[in-house]
Amino acid sequence: MSKPALINQLKEKNPNLNKSEIETIIQSFLRGITLALQDGRSVELRNFGKFYLRRIKENFRARNPKTNEIIYKPERVKIKFKASSNLNKILNK
């Protein structure tokens, strides 16, 4: 689902809010999640799931598959998502 589709769906359920207010609410929500992850904290949304960070170790002997050249990959951080048990039940019905 794209952001405009989400805004339209929320507009149908909340006709007293205009689209710019709904977009501001969504932007604030996403900004809150982004700031928490930047600070190294995890974000848990009950009955939906959990966003958390996973550190990937540096690799001194990685290979470029195209040229077969040995390259260095520095330590990095990836965002992971773990669905809640309720969301898993809904998806696996």
PDB file of N, CA and C in Angstrom:
ATOM      1  N   MET A   1       0.845  -1.170   0.000  1.00  0.00           N
ATOM      2  CA  MET A   1       0.000   0.000   0.000  1.00  0.00           C
ATOM      3  C   MET A   1       0.891   1.233   0.000  1.00  0.00           C
ATOM      4  N   SER A   2       0.565   2.184  -0.833  1.00  0.00           N
ATOM      5  CA  SER A   2       1.342   3.414  -0.915  1.00  0.00           C
ATOM      6  C   SER A   2       0.795   4.440   0.091  1.00  0.00           C
ATOM      7  N   LYS A   3       1.571   5.496   0.323  1.00  0.00           N
ATOM      8  CA  LYS A   3       1.151   6.516   1.268  1.00  0.00           C
ATOM      9  C   LYS A   3      -0.139   7.217   0.830  1.00  0.00           C
ATOM     10  N   PRO A   4      -0.292   7.585  -0.464  1.00  0.00           N
ATOM     11  CA  PRO A   4      -1.565   8.197  -0.872  1.00  0.00           C
ATOM     12  C   PRO A   4      -2.769   7.266  -0.675  1.00  0.00           C
ATOM     13  N   ALA A   5      -2.598   5.968  -0.913  1.00  0.00           N
ATOM     14  CA  ALA A   5      -3.691   5.028  -0.694  1.00  0.00           C
ATOM     15  C   ALA A   5      -4.039   4.943   0.793  1.00  0.00           C
ATOM     16  N   LEU A   6      -3.032   4.972   1.650  1.00  0.00           N
ATOM     17  CA  LEU A   6      -3.257   4.952   3.090  1.00  0.00           C
ATOM     18  C   LEU A   6      -3.992   6.221   3.527  1.00  0.00           C
ATOM     19  N   ILE A   7      -3.586   7.362   2.993  1.00  0.00           N
ATOM     20  CA  ILE A   7      -4.244   8.627   3.327  1.00  0.00           C
ATOM     21  C   ILE A   7      -5.709   8.589   2.902  1.00  0.00           C
ATOM     22  N   ASN A   8      -5.984   8.085   1.706  1.00  0.00           N
ATOM     23  CA  ASN A   8      -7.374   7.996   1.238  1.00  0.00           C
ATOM     24  C   ASN A   8      -8.202   7.056   2.105  1.00  0.00           C
ATOM     25  N   GLN A   9      -7.619   5.942   2.520  1.00  0.00           N
ATOM     26  CA  GLN A   9      -8.334   4.997   3.365  1.00  0.00           C
ATOM     27  C   GLN A   9      -8.643   5.617   4.726  1.00  0.00           C
ATOM     28  N   LEU A  10      -7.675   6.331   5.305  1.00  0.00           N
ATOM     29  CA  LEU A  10      -7.910   6.992   6.584  1.00  0.00           C
ATOM     30  C   LEU A  10      -8.919   8.124   6.448  1.00  0.00           C
ATOM     31  N   LYS A  11      -8.927   8.803   5.308  1.00  0.00           N
ATOM     32  CA  LYS A  11      -9.892   9.876   5.052  1.00  0.00           C
ATOM     33  C   LYS A  11     -11.311   9.323   5.011  1.00  0.00           C
ATOM     34  N   GLU A  12     -11.496   8.134   4.428  1.00  0.00           N
ATOM     35  CA  GLU A  12     -12.818   7.508   4.388  1.00  0.00           C
ATOM     36  C   GLU A  12     -13.305   7.147   5.790  1.00  0.00           C
ATOM     37  N   LYS A  13     -12.387   6.700   6.653  1.00  0.00           N
ATOM     38  CA  LYS A  13     -12.774   6.306   8.008  1.00  0.00           C
ATOM     39  C   LYS A  13     -12.914   7.502   8.949  1.00  0.00           C
ATOM     40  N   ASN A  14     -12.230   8.616   8.630  1.00  0.00           N
ATOM     41  CA  ASN A  14     -12.274   9.826   9.450  1.00  0.00           C
ATOM     42  C   ASN A  14     -12.607  11.031   8.575  1.00  0.00           C
ATOM     43  N   PRO A  15     -13.868  11.204   8.199  1.00  0.00           N
ATOM     44  CA  PRO A  15     -14.209  12.294   7.282  1.00  0.00           C
ATOM     45  C   PRO A  15     -14.040  13.684   7.879  1.00  0.00           C
ATOM     46  N   ASN A  16     -13.928  13.796   9.221  1.00  0.00           N
ATOM     47  CA  ASN A  16     -13.759  15.110   9.840  1.00  0.00           C
ATOM     48  C   ASN A  16     -12.333  15.640   9.705  1.00  0.00           C
ATOM     49  N   LEU A  17     -11.368  14.805   9.340  1.00  0.00           N
ATOM     50  CA  LEU A  17      -9.979  15.233   9.119  1.00  0.00           C
ATOM     51  C   LEU A  17      -9.751  15.459   7.630  1.00  0.00           C
ATOM     52  N   ASN A  18      -8.979  16.505   7.308  1.00  0.00           N
ATOM     53  CA  ASN A  18      -8.648  16.687   5.890  1.00  0.00           C
ATOM     54  C   ASN A  18      -7.352  15.950   5.571  1.00  0.00           C
ATOM     55  N   LYS A  19      -7.050  15.841   4.289  1.00  0.00           N
ATOM     56  CA  LYS A  19      -5.904  15.029   3.862  1.00  0.00           C
ATOM     57  C   LYS A  19      -4.578  15.584   4.371  1.00  0.00           C
ATOM     58  N   SER A  20      -4.439  16.888   4.472  1.00  0.00           N
ATOM     59  CA  SER A  20      -3.171  17.451   4.954  1.00  0.00           C
ATOM     60  C   SER A  20      -2.953  17.116   6.425  1.00  0.00           C
ATOM     61  N   GLU A  21      -4.021  17.090   7.222  1.00  0.00           N
ATOM     62  CA  GLU A  21      -3.891  16.708   8.634  1.00  0.00           C
ATOM     63  C   GLU A  21      -3.499  15.238   8.763  1.00  0.00           C
ATOM     64  N   ILE A  22      -4.101  14.397   7.954  1.00  0.00           N
ATOM     65  CA  ILE A  22      -3.778  12.974   7.978  1.00  0.00           C
ATOM     66  C   ILE A  22      -2.332  12.755   7.557  1.00  0.00           C
ATOM     67  N   GLU A  23      -1.881  13.478   6.521  1.00  0.00           N
ATOM     68  CA  GLU A  23      -0.492  13.346   6.074  1.00  0.00           C
ATOM     69  C   GLU A  23       0.474  13.806   7.154  1.00  0.00           C
ATOM     70  N   THR A  24       0.125  14.870   7.898  1.00  0.00           N
ATOM     71  CA  THR A  24       0.962  15.346   8.999  1.00  0.00           C
ATOM     72  C   THR A  24       1.059  14.297  10.104  1.00  0.00           C
ATOM     73  N   ILE A  25      -0.057  13.637  10.404  1.00  0.00           N
ATOM     74  CA  ILE A  25      -0.069  12.587  11.429  1.00  0.00           C
ATOM     75  C   ILE A  25       0.834  11.429  11.008  1.00  0.00           C
ATOM     76  N   ILE A  26       0.727  11.010   9.757  1.00  0.00           N
ATOM     77  CA  ILE A  26       1.553   9.897   9.265  1.00  0.00           C
ATOM     78  C   ILE A  26       3.023  10.278   9.283  1.00  0.00           C
ATOM     79  N   GLN A  27       3.352  11.503   8.853  1.00  0.00           N
ATOM     80  CA  GLN A  27       4.746  11.955   8.859  1.00  0.00           C
ATOM     81  C   GLN A  27       5.307  11.998  10.277  1.00  0.00           C
ATOM     82  N   SER A  28       4.509  12.463  11.241  1.00  0.00           N
ATOM     83  CA  SER A  28       4.959  12.496  12.638  1.00  0.00           C
ATOM     84  C   SER A  28       5.202  11.094  13.173  1.00  0.00           C
ATOM     85  N   PHE A  29       4.329  10.161  12.821  1.00  0.00           N
ATOM     86  CA  PHE A  29       4.471   8.772  13.243  1.00  0.00           C
ATOM     87  C   PHE A  29       5.763   8.176  12.687  1.00  0.00           C
ATOM     88  N   LEU A  30       5.998   8.362  11.394  1.00  0.00           N
ATOM     89  CA  LEU A  30       7.203   7.820  10.765  1.00  0.00           C
ATOM     90  C   LEU A  30       8.466   8.495  11.297  1.00  0.00           C
ATOM     91  N   ARG A  31       8.387   9.804  11.570  1.00  0.00           N
ATOM     92  CA  ARG A  31       9.538  10.529  12.110  1.00  0.00           C
ATOM     93  C   ARG A  31       9.890  10.011  13.498  1.00  0.00           C
ATOM     94  N   GLY A  32       8.865   9.694  14.294  1.00  0.00           N
ATOM     95  CA  GLY A  32       9.101   9.138  15.631  1.00  0.00           C
ATOM     96  C   GLY A  32       9.813   7.800  15.571  1.00  0.00           C
ATOM     97  N   ILE A  33       9.383   6.938  14.656  1.00  0.00           N
ATOM     98  CA  ILE A  33      10.041   5.645  14.486  1.00  0.00           C
ATOM     99  C   ILE A  33      11.483   5.841  14.023  1.00  0.00           C
ATOM    100  N   THR A  34      11.683   6.730  13.069  1.00  0.00           N
ATOM    101  CA  THR A  34      13.029   6.985  12.539  1.00  0.00           C
ATOM    102  C   THR A  34      13.961   7.511  13.620  1.00  0.00           C
ATOM    103  N   LEU A  35      13.498   8.469  14.412  1.00  0.00           N
ATOM    104  CA  LEU A  35      14.342   9.040  15.466  1.00  0.00           C
ATOM    105  C   LEU A  35      14.687   8.005  16.532  1.00  0.00           C
ATOM    106  N   ALA A  36      13.730   7.155  16.880  1.00  0.00           N
ATOM    107  CA  ALA A  36      14.008   6.110  17.875  1.00  0.00           C
ATOM    108  C   ALA A  36      15.062   5.141  17.353  1.00  0.00           C
ATOM    109  N   LEU A  37      14.957   4.747  16.081  1.00  0.00           N
ATOM    110  CA  LEU A  37      15.948   3.831  15.511  1.00  0.00           C
ATOM    111  C   LEU A  37      17.311   4.499  15.388  1.00  0.00           C
ATOM    112  N   GLN A  38      17.352   5.799  15.079  1.00  0.00           N
ATOM    113  CA  GLN A  38      18.628   6.508  15.006  1.00  0.00           C
ATOM    114  C   GLN A  38      19.301   6.554  16.365  1.00  0.00           C
ATOM    115  N   ASP A  39      18.506   6.616  17.438  1.00  0.00           N
ATOM    116  CA  ASP A  39      19.060   6.634  18.795  1.00  0.00           C
ATOM    117  C   ASP A  39      19.457   5.243  19.275  1.00  0.00           C
ATOM    118  N   GLY A  40      19.200   4.218  18.467  1.00  0.00           N
ATOM    119  CA  GLY A  40      19.572   2.863  18.832  1.00  0.00           C
ATOM    120  C   GLY A  40      18.514   2.132  19.625  1.00  0.00           C
ATOM    121  N   ARG A  41      17.312   2.697  19.724  1.00  0.00           N
ATOM    122  CA  ARG A  41      16.229   2.053  20.464  1.00  0.00           C
ATOM    123  C   ARG A  41      15.363   1.238  19.514  1.00  0.00           C
ATOM    124  N   SER A  42      14.678   0.251  20.047  1.00  0.00           N
ATOM    125  CA  SER A  42      13.740  -0.527  19.232  1.00  0.00           C
ATOM    126  C   SER A  42      12.352   0.089  19.385  1.00  0.00           C
ATOM    127  N   VAL A  43      11.491  -0.187  18.420  1.00  0.00           N
ATOM    128  CA  VAL A  43      10.128   0.339  18.423  1.00  0.00           C
ATOM    129  C   VAL A  43       9.173  -0.845  18.370  1.00  0.00           C
ATOM    130  N   GLU A  44       8.323  -0.954  19.382  1.00  0.00           N
ATOM    131  CA  GLU A  44       7.359  -2.051  19.442  1.00  0.00           C
ATOM    132  C   GLU A  44       5.957  -1.489  19.304  1.00  0.00           C
ATOM    133  N   LEU A  45       5.219  -1.989  18.332  1.00  0.00           N
ATOM    134  CA  LEU A  45       3.823  -1.624  18.125  1.00  0.00           C
ATOM    135  C   LEU A  45       2.990  -2.850  18.480  1.00  0.00           C
ATOM    136  N   ARG A  46       2.279  -2.777  19.588  1.00  0.00           N
ATOM    137  CA  ARG A  46       1.520  -3.933  20.083  1.00  0.00           C
ATOM    138  C   ARG A  46       0.576  -4.453  19.010  1.00  0.00           C
ATOM    139  N   ASN A  47       0.484  -5.749  18.906  1.00  0.00           N
ATOM    140  CA  ASN A  47      -0.351  -6.474  17.946  1.00  0.00           C
ATOM    141  C   ASN A  47       0.049  -6.225  16.494  1.00  0.00           C
ATOM    142  N   PHE A  48       1.210  -5.611  16.264  1.00  0.00           N
ATOM    143  CA  PHE A  48       1.698  -5.433  14.893  1.00  0.00           C
ATOM    144  C   PHE A  48       3.088  -6.027  14.749  1.00  0.00           C
ATOM    145  N   GLY A  49       4.055  -5.520  15.528  1.00  0.00           N
ATOM    146  CA  GLY A  49       5.406  -6.057  15.441  1.00  0.00           C
ATOM    147  C   GLY A  49       6.422  -5.147  16.085  1.00  0.00           C
ATOM    148  N   LYS A  50       7.687  -5.468  15.856  1.00  0.00           N
ATOM    149  CA  LYS A  50       8.788  -4.756  16.489  1.00  0.00           C
ATOM    150  C   LYS A  50       9.858  -4.454  15.450  1.00  0.00           C
ATOM    151  N   PHE A  51      10.288  -3.202  15.391  1.00  0.00           N
ATOM    152  CA  PHE A  51      11.418  -2.780  14.573  1.00  0.00           C
ATOM    153  C   PHE A  51      12.631  -2.705  15.494  1.00  0.00           C
ATOM    154  N   TYR A  52      13.740  -3.283  15.080  1.00  0.00           N
ATOM    155  CA  TYR A  52      14.946  -3.237  15.886  1.00  0.00           C
ATOM    156  C   TYR A  52      16.166  -3.212  14.974  1.00  0.00           C
ATOM    157  N   LEU A  53      17.319  -2.898  15.556  1.00  0.00           N
ATOM    158  CA  LEU A  53      18.562  -2.786  14.796  1.00  0.00           C
ATOM    159  C   LEU A  53      19.422  -4.016  15.009  1.00  0.00           C
ATOM    160  N   ARG A  54      20.106  -4.426  13.970  1.00  0.00           N
ATOM    161  CA  ARG A  54      21.031  -5.554  14.039  1.00  0.00           C
ATOM    162  C   ARG A  54      22.361  -5.106  13.464  1.00  0.00           C
ATOM    163  N   ARG A  55      23.412  -5.242  14.245  1.00  0.00           N
ATOM    164  CA  ARG A  55      24.757  -4.881  13.776  1.00  0.00           C
ATOM    165  C   ARG A  55      25.331  -6.024  12.948  1.00  0.00           C
ATOM    166  N   ILE A  56      25.880  -5.692  11.792  1.00  0.00           N
ATOM    167  CA  ILE A  56      26.528  -6.656  10.913  1.00  0.00           C
ATOM    168  C   ILE A  56      28.028  -6.416  11.027  1.00  0.00           C
ATOM    169  N   LYS A  57      28.772  -7.471  11.379  1.00  0.00           N
ATOM    170  CA  LYS A  57      30.216  -7.336  11.573  1.00  0.00           C
ATOM    171  C   LYS A  57      30.926  -6.964  10.281  1.00  0.00           C
ATOM    172  N   GLU A  58      32.077  -6.328  10.439  1.00  0.00           N
ATOM    173  CA  GLU A  58      32.878  -6.002   9.263  1.00  0.00           C
ATOM    174  C   GLU A  58      33.455  -7.280   8.667  1.00  0.00           C
ATOM    175  N   ASN A  59      33.700  -7.238   7.372  1.00  0.00           N
ATOM    176  CA  ASN A  59      34.211  -8.406   6.677  1.00  0.00           C
ATOM    177  C   ASN A  59      35.428  -7.977   5.865  1.00  0.00           C
ATOM    178  N   PHE A  60      36.576  -8.529   6.211  1.00  0.00           N
ATOM    179  CA  PHE A  60      37.818  -8.161   5.532  1.00  0.00           C
ATOM    180  C   PHE A  60      38.047  -8.974   4.259  1.00  0.00           C
ATOM    181  N   ARG A  61      37.341 -10.080   4.097  1.00  0.00           N
ATOM    182  CA  ARG A  61      37.626 -10.967   2.980  1.00  0.00           C
ATOM    183  C   ARG A  61      36.413 -11.189   2.081  1.00  0.00           C
ATOM    184  N   ALA A  62      35.580 -10.188   1.948  1.00  0.00           N
ATOM    185  CA  ALA A  62      34.433 -10.314   1.050  1.00  0.00           C
ATOM    186  C   ALA A  62      34.927 -10.227  -0.390  1.00  0.00           C
ATOM    187  N   ARG A  63      34.181 -10.823  -1.298  1.00  0.00           N
ATOM    188  CA  ARG A  63      34.581 -10.818  -2.714  1.00  0.00           C
ATOM    189  C   ARG A  63      33.516 -10.139  -3.555  1.00  0.00           C
ATOM    190  N   ASN A  64      33.990  -9.390  -4.531  1.00  0.00           N
ATOM    191  CA  ASN A  64      33.111  -8.845  -5.543  1.00  0.00           C
ATOM    192  C   ASN A  64      32.847  -9.972  -6.533  1.00  0.00           C
ATOM    193  N   PRO A  65      31.586 -10.435  -6.665  1.00  0.00           N
ATOM    194  CA  PRO A  65      31.333 -11.586  -7.525  1.00  0.00           C
ATOM    195  C   PRO A  65      31.590 -11.313  -9.009  1.00  0.00           C
ATOM    196  N   LYS A  66      31.530 -10.062  -9.408  1.00  0.00           N
ATOM    197  CA  LYS A  66      31.726  -9.741 -10.819  1.00  0.00           C
ATOM    198  C   LYS A  66      33.203  -9.815 -11.206  1.00  0.00           C
ATOM    199  N   THR A  67      34.087  -9.239 -10.345  1.00  0.00           N
ATOM    200  CA  THR A  67      35.513  -9.186 -10.669  1.00  0.00           C
ATOM    201  C   THR A  67      36.344 -10.177  -9.870  1.00  0.00           C
ATOM    202  N   ASN A  68      35.728 -10.833  -8.880  1.00  0.00           N
ATOM    203  CA  ASN A  68      36.403 -11.773  -7.989  1.00  0.00           C
ATOM    204  C   ASN A  68      37.489 -11.090  -7.159  1.00  0.00           C
ATOM    205  N   GLU A  69      37.401  -9.791  -7.008  1.00  0.00           N
ATOM    206  CA  GLU A  69      38.371  -9.009  -6.246  1.00  0.00           C
ATOM    207  C   GLU A  69      37.979  -9.024  -4.763  1.00  0.00           C
ATOM    208  N   ILE A  70      38.949  -9.117  -3.866  1.00  0.00           N
ATOM    209  CA  ILE A  70      38.694  -9.082  -2.431  1.00  0.00           C
ATOM    210  C   ILE A  70      38.452  -7.631  -2.035  1.00  0.00           C
ATOM    211  N   ILE A  71      37.339  -7.404  -1.317  1.00  0.00           N
ATOM    212  CA  ILE A  71      36.982  -6.053  -0.887  1.00  0.00           C
ATOM    213  C   ILE A  71      36.736  -6.054   0.612  1.00  0.00           C
ATOM    214  N   TYR A  72      36.741  -4.874   1.205  1.00  0.00           N
ATOM    215  CA  TYR A  72      36.485  -4.694   2.624  1.00  0.00           C
ATOM    216  C   TYR A  72      35.067  -4.155   2.796  1.00  0.00           C
ATOM    217  N   LYS A  73      34.281  -4.796   3.655  1.00  0.00           N
ATOM    218  CA  LYS A  73      32.942  -4.318   3.969  1.00  0.00           C
ATOM    219  C   LYS A  73      32.941  -3.871   5.425  1.00  0.00           C
ATOM    220  N   PRO A  74      32.746  -2.585   5.695  1.00  0.00           N
ATOM    221  CA  PRO A  74      32.780  -2.097   7.076  1.00  0.00           C
ATOM    222  C   PRO A  74      31.563  -2.560   7.881  1.00  0.00           C
ATOM    223  N   GLU A  75      31.659  -2.392   9.200  1.00  0.00           N
ATOM    224  CA  GLU A  75      30.533  -2.718  10.070  1.00  0.00           C
ATOM    225  C   GLU A  75      29.348  -1.824   9.702  1.00  0.00           C
ATOM    226  N   ARG A  76      28.161  -2.390   9.727  1.00  0.00           N
ATOM    227  CA  ARG A  76      26.983  -1.622   9.368  1.00  0.00           C
ATOM    228  C   ARG A  76      25.797  -2.061  10.223  1.00  0.00           C
ATOM    229  N   VAL A  77      24.735  -1.300  10.141  1.00  0.00           N
ATOM    230  CA  VAL A  77      23.534  -1.572  10.920  1.00  0.00           C
ATOM    231  C   VAL A  77      22.375  -1.786   9.953  1.00  0.00           C
ATOM    232  N   LYS A  78      21.575  -2.825  10.209  1.00  0.00           N
ATOM    233  CA  LYS A  78      20.394  -3.104   9.388  1.00  0.00           C
ATOM    234  C   LYS A  78      19.162  -3.009  10.267  1.00  0.00           C
ATOM    235  N   ILE A  79      18.074  -2.590   9.671  1.00  0.00           N
ATOM    236  CA  ILE A  79      16.796  -2.548  10.371  1.00  0.00           C
ATOM    237  C   ILE A  79      16.097  -3.883  10.143  1.00  0.00           C
ATOM    238  N   LYS A  80      15.636  -4.472  11.217  1.00  0.00           N
ATOM    239  CA  LYS A  80      14.916  -5.744  11.149  1.00  0.00           C
ATOM    240  C   LYS A  80      13.498  -5.529  11.664  1.00  0.00           C
ATOM    241  N   PHE A  81      12.586  -6.385  11.230  1.00  0.00           N
ATOM    242  CA  PHE A  81      11.196  -6.336  11.682  1.00  0.00           C
ATOM    243  C   PHE A  81      10.767  -7.743  12.073  1.00  0.00           C
ATOM    244  N   LYS A  82      10.161  -7.853  13.243  1.00  0.00           N
ATOM    245  CA  LYS A  82       9.630  -9.134  13.704  1.00  0.00           C
ATOM    246  C   LYS A  82       8.140  -8.940  13.922  1.00  0.00           C
ATOM    247  N   ALA A  83       7.336  -9.670  13.173  1.00  0.00           N
ATOM    248  CA  ALA A  83       5.883  -9.559  13.279  1.00  0.00           C
ATOM    249  C   ALA A  83       5.401 -10.146  14.601  1.00  0.00           C
ATOM    250  N   SER A  84       4.331  -9.560  15.135  1.00  0.00           N
ATOM    251  CA  SER A  84       3.759 -10.086  16.377  1.00  0.00           C
ATOM    252  C   SER A  84       3.029 -11.389  16.099  1.00  0.00           C
ATOM    253  N   SER A  85       2.730 -12.121  17.151  1.00  0.00           N
ATOM    254  CA  SER A  85       2.019 -13.394  16.976  1.00  0.00           C
ATOM    255  C   SER A  85       0.614 -13.151  16.431  1.00  0.00           C
ATOM    256  N   ASN A  86      -0.021 -12.044  16.824  1.00  0.00           N
ATOM    257  CA  ASN A  86      -1.355 -11.743  16.292  1.00  0.00           C
ATOM    258  C   ASN A  86      -1.301 -11.477  14.799  1.00  0.00           C
ATOM    259  N   LEU A  87      -0.304 -10.725  14.325  1.00  0.00           N
ATOM    260  CA  LEU A  87      -0.171 -10.451  12.904  1.00  0.00           C
ATOM    261  C   LEU A  87       0.138 -11.741  12.136  1.00  0.00           C
ATOM    262  N   ASN A  88       0.978 -12.592  12.708  1.00  0.00           N
ATOM    263  CA  ASN A  88       1.268 -13.883  12.066  1.00  0.00           C
ATOM    264  C   ASN A  88       0.011 -14.743  11.949  1.00  0.00           C
ATOM    265  N   LYS A  89      -0.827 -14.734  12.981  1.00  0.00           N
ATOM    266  CA  LYS A  89      -2.073 -15.503  12.914  1.00  0.00           C
ATOM    267  C   LYS A  89      -2.988 -14.981  11.822  1.00  0.00           C
ATOM    268  N   ILE A  90      -3.100 -13.655  11.709  1.00  0.00           N
ATOM    269  CA  ILE A  90      -3.952 -13.055  10.685  1.00  0.00           C
ATOM    270  C   ILE A  90      -3.440 -13.395   9.286  1.00  0.00           C
ATOM    271  N   LEU A  91      -2.124 -13.330   9.094  1.00  0.00           N
ATOM    272  CA  LEU A  91      -1.552 -13.568   7.777  1.00  0.00           C
ATOM    273  C   LEU A  91      -1.593 -15.039   7.390  1.00  0.00           C
ATOM    274  N   ASN A  92      -1.568 -15.942   8.360  1.00  0.00           N
ATOM    275  CA  ASN A  92      -1.506 -17.371   8.064  1.00  0.00           C
ATOM    276  C   ASN A  92      -2.844 -18.085   8.219  1.00  0.00           C
ATOM    277  N   LYS A  93      -3.945 -17.344   8.166  1.00  0.00           N
ATOM    278  CA  LYS A  93      -5.266 -17.981   8.248  1.00  0.00           C
ATOM    279  C   LYS A  93      -5.555 -18.775   7.013  1.00  0.00           C
TER     280      LYS A  93
END
